[in-house]
């Protein structure tokens, strides 16, 4: 699956990238590009809302972890959000990735 306009939307006013559905390997590659684009190549802070993600394997976690590291290196904030009890929230907790619960 590749992230498309149904799977990823960016709200310019709130700087929130909302993801939905499955983030498999193909979507993970698109996600990497989507994060780079929405952060303007790591020059502006954004939030990524993972609440509606229902498949979040290790490859996708790696993409997110690398994005967090790149954001930190660039001095911008990349905030992860996931509602309590969701797949993404459980995965982020298990992986020890800091996130906000929506």
C-alpha atoms as a PDB file:
ATOM      1  CA  UNK A   1       0.000   0.000   0.000  1.00  0.00           C
ATOM      2  CA  UNK A   2       1.264   3.480  -0.838  1.00  0.00           C
ATOM      3  CA  UNK A   3       0.222   6.500   1.182  1.00  0.00           C
ATOM      4  CA  UNK A   4      -2.103   8.630  -0.895  1.00  0.00           C
ATOM      5  CA  UNK A   5      -4.496  11.482  -0.185  1.00  0.00           C
ATOM      6  CA  UNK A   6      -6.901   9.060   1.507  1.00  0.00           C
ATOM      7  CA  UNK A   7      -4.165   7.662   3.753  1.00  0.00           C
ATOM      8  CA  UNK A   8      -2.268  10.825   4.628  1.00  0.00           C
ATOM      9  CA  UNK A   9      -3.525  14.378   4.921  1.00  0.00           C
ATOM     10  CA  UNK A  10      -1.663  17.440   6.050  1.00  0.00           C
ATOM     11  CA  UNK A  11      -3.461  20.343   7.667  1.00  0.00           C
ATOM     12  CA  UNK A  12      -1.350  23.389   6.910  1.00  0.00           C
ATOM     13  CA  UNK A  13      -3.115  25.529   9.549  1.00  0.00           C
ATOM     14  CA  UNK A  14      -2.358  23.159  12.430  1.00  0.00           C
ATOM     15  CA  UNK A  15       0.781  21.528  10.966  1.00  0.00           C
ATOM     16  CA  UNK A  16      -0.649  18.047  11.618  1.00  0.00           C
ATOM     17  CA  UNK A  17       0.044  15.113   9.319  1.00  0.00           C
ATOM     18  CA  UNK A  18      -2.761  12.581   9.854  1.00  0.00           C
ATOM     19  CA  UNK A  19      -2.116   8.998   8.796  1.00  0.00           C
ATOM     20  CA  UNK A  20      -4.708   6.246   8.274  1.00  0.00           C
ATOM     21  CA  UNK A  21      -4.744   2.565   7.475  1.00  0.00           C
ATOM     22  CA  UNK A  22      -1.754   0.315   7.024  1.00  0.00           C
ATOM     23  CA  UNK A  23       1.828   1.505   6.943  1.00  0.00           C
ATOM     24  CA  UNK A  24       3.476  -1.468   5.287  1.00  0.00           C
ATOM     25  CA  UNK A  25       6.865  -1.368   3.557  1.00  0.00           C
ATOM     26  CA  UNK A  26       5.618   0.432   0.442  1.00  0.00           C
ATOM     27  CA  UNK A  27       3.697   2.948   2.510  1.00  0.00           C
ATOM     28  CA  UNK A  28       6.718   3.374   4.779  1.00  0.00           C
ATOM     29  CA  UNK A  29       8.789   4.611   1.856  1.00  0.00           C
ATOM     30  CA  UNK A  30       6.018   7.061   0.940  1.00  0.00           C
ATOM     31  CA  UNK A  31       5.762   8.073   4.605  1.00  0.00           C
ATOM     32  CA  UNK A  32       9.461   8.947   4.687  1.00  0.00           C
ATOM     33  CA  UNK A  33       8.952  11.255   1.700  1.00  0.00           C
ATOM     34  CA  UNK A  34       5.736  12.671   3.166  1.00  0.00           C
ATOM     35  CA  UNK A  35       7.462  13.604   6.424  1.00  0.00           C
ATOM     36  CA  UNK A  36      10.337  15.249   4.555  1.00  0.00           C
ATOM     37  CA  UNK A  37       7.871  17.243   2.454  1.00  0.00           C
ATOM     38  CA  UNK A  38       5.606  18.355   5.301  1.00  0.00           C
ATOM     39  CA  UNK A  39       8.569  19.361   7.494  1.00  0.00           C
ATOM     40  CA  UNK A  40      10.032  21.147   4.472  1.00  0.00           C
ATOM     41  CA  UNK A  41      13.103  18.927   4.712  1.00  0.00           C
ATOM     42  CA  UNK A  42      13.265  19.210   8.488  1.00  0.00           C
ATOM     43  CA  UNK A  43      13.040  22.991   8.712  1.00  0.00           C
ATOM     44  CA  UNK A  44       9.621  23.266  10.397  1.00  0.00           C
ATOM     45  CA  UNK A  45       7.934  21.448  13.253  1.00  0.00           C
ATOM     46  CA  UNK A  46       4.902  19.222  12.712  1.00  0.00           C
ATOM     47  CA  UNK A  47       2.795  16.692  14.575  1.00  0.00           C
ATOM     48  CA  UNK A  48       2.049  13.246  13.186  1.00  0.00           C
ATOM     49  CA  UNK A  49      -1.296  11.786  14.246  1.00  0.00           C
ATOM     50  CA  UNK A  50      -1.167   7.992  14.093  1.00  0.00           C
ATOM     51  CA  UNK A  51      -4.512   7.363  15.780  1.00  0.00           C
ATOM     52  CA  UNK A  52      -6.146   5.885  12.669  1.00  0.00           C
ATOM     53  CA  UNK A  53      -3.217   3.622  11.755  1.00  0.00           C
ATOM     54  CA  UNK A  54      -4.238  -0.024  12.061  1.00  0.00           C
ATOM     55  CA  UNK A  55      -1.040  -1.746  10.911  1.00  0.00           C
ATOM     56  CA  UNK A  56       2.277  -0.388  12.183  1.00  0.00           C
ATOM     57  CA  UNK A  57       5.117  -2.897  11.681  1.00  0.00           C
ATOM     58  CA  UNK A  58       8.774  -2.508  12.603  1.00  0.00           C
ATOM     59  CA  UNK A  59       9.677  -1.019   9.219  1.00  0.00           C
ATOM     60  CA  UNK A  60       7.236   1.855   9.805  1.00  0.00           C
ATOM     61  CA  UNK A  61       8.505   2.293  13.368  1.00  0.00           C
ATOM     62  CA  UNK A  62      12.011   2.597  11.919  1.00  0.00           C
ATOM     63  CA  UNK A  63      10.862   5.306   9.506  1.00  0.00           C
ATOM     64  CA  UNK A  64       9.291   7.238  12.387  1.00  0.00           C
ATOM     65  CA  UNK A  65      12.317   6.753  14.661  1.00  0.00           C
ATOM     66  CA  UNK A  66      14.678   7.999  11.954  1.00  0.00           C
ATOM     67  CA  UNK A  67      12.419  11.005  11.304  1.00  0.00           C
ATOM     68  CA  UNK A  68      12.507  11.826  15.030  1.00  0.00           C
ATOM     69  CA  UNK A  69      16.309  11.645  14.987  1.00  0.00           C
ATOM     70  CA  UNK A  70      16.549  13.865  11.901  1.00  0.00           C
ATOM     71  CA  UNK A  71      14.168  16.381  13.454  1.00  0.00           C
ATOM     72  CA  UNK A  72      16.213  16.442  16.649  1.00  0.00           C
ATOM     73  CA  UNK A  73      19.422  16.962  14.640  1.00  0.00           C
ATOM     74  CA  UNK A  74      17.758  19.832  12.760  1.00  0.00           C
ATOM     75  CA  UNK A  75      16.469  21.415  15.957  1.00  0.00           C
ATOM     76  CA  UNK A  76      12.790  21.095  15.102  1.00  0.00           C
ATOM     77  CA  UNK A  77       9.993  19.398  16.981  1.00  0.00           C
ATOM     78  CA  UNK A  78       8.313  16.312  15.573  1.00  0.00           C
ATOM     79  CA  UNK A  79       5.440  15.273  17.829  1.00  0.00           C
ATOM     80  CA  UNK A  80       3.792  11.870  17.601  1.00  0.00           C
ATOM     81  CA  UNK A  81       0.148  11.487  18.615  1.00  0.00           C
ATOM     82  CA  UNK A  82      -1.962   8.376  19.083  1.00  0.00           C
ATOM     83  CA  UNK A  83      -5.169   7.829  21.031  1.00  0.00           C
ATOM     84  CA  UNK A  84      -4.996   5.484  24.008  1.00  0.00           C
ATOM     85  CA  UNK A  85      -5.578   1.842  23.137  1.00  0.00           C
ATOM     86  CA  UNK A  86      -4.919   2.221  19.416  1.00  0.00           C
ATOM     87  CA  UNK A  87      -2.480   0.007  17.542  1.00  0.00           C
ATOM     88  CA  UNK A  88      -0.090   2.916  17.072  1.00  0.00           C
ATOM     89  CA  UNK A  89      -0.207   3.952  20.730  1.00  0.00           C
ATOM     90  CA  UNK A  90       0.569   0.415  21.871  1.00  0.00           C
ATOM     91  CA  UNK A  91       3.438   0.061  19.385  1.00  0.00           C
ATOM     92  CA  UNK A  92       4.920   3.458  20.287  1.00  0.00           C
ATOM     93  CA  UNK A  93       4.730   2.562  23.984  1.00  0.00           C
ATOM     94  CA  UNK A  94       6.374  -0.836  23.496  1.00  0.00           C
ATOM     95  CA  UNK A  95       9.119   0.734  21.368  1.00  0.00           C
ATOM     96  CA  UNK A  96       9.704   3.496  23.895  1.00  0.00           C
ATOM     97  CA  UNK A  97       8.984   6.299  21.427  1.00  0.00           C
ATOM     98  CA  UNK A  98       7.726   9.445  23.135  1.00  0.00           C
ATOM     99  CA  UNK A  99       4.236  10.398  22.074  1.00  0.00           C
ATOM    100  CA  UNK A 100       1.139  12.262  23.121  1.00  0.00           C
ATOM    101  CA  UNK A 101      -2.149  10.504  23.656  1.00  0.00           C
ATOM    102  CA  UNK A 102      -5.007  12.244  21.906  1.00  0.00           C
END
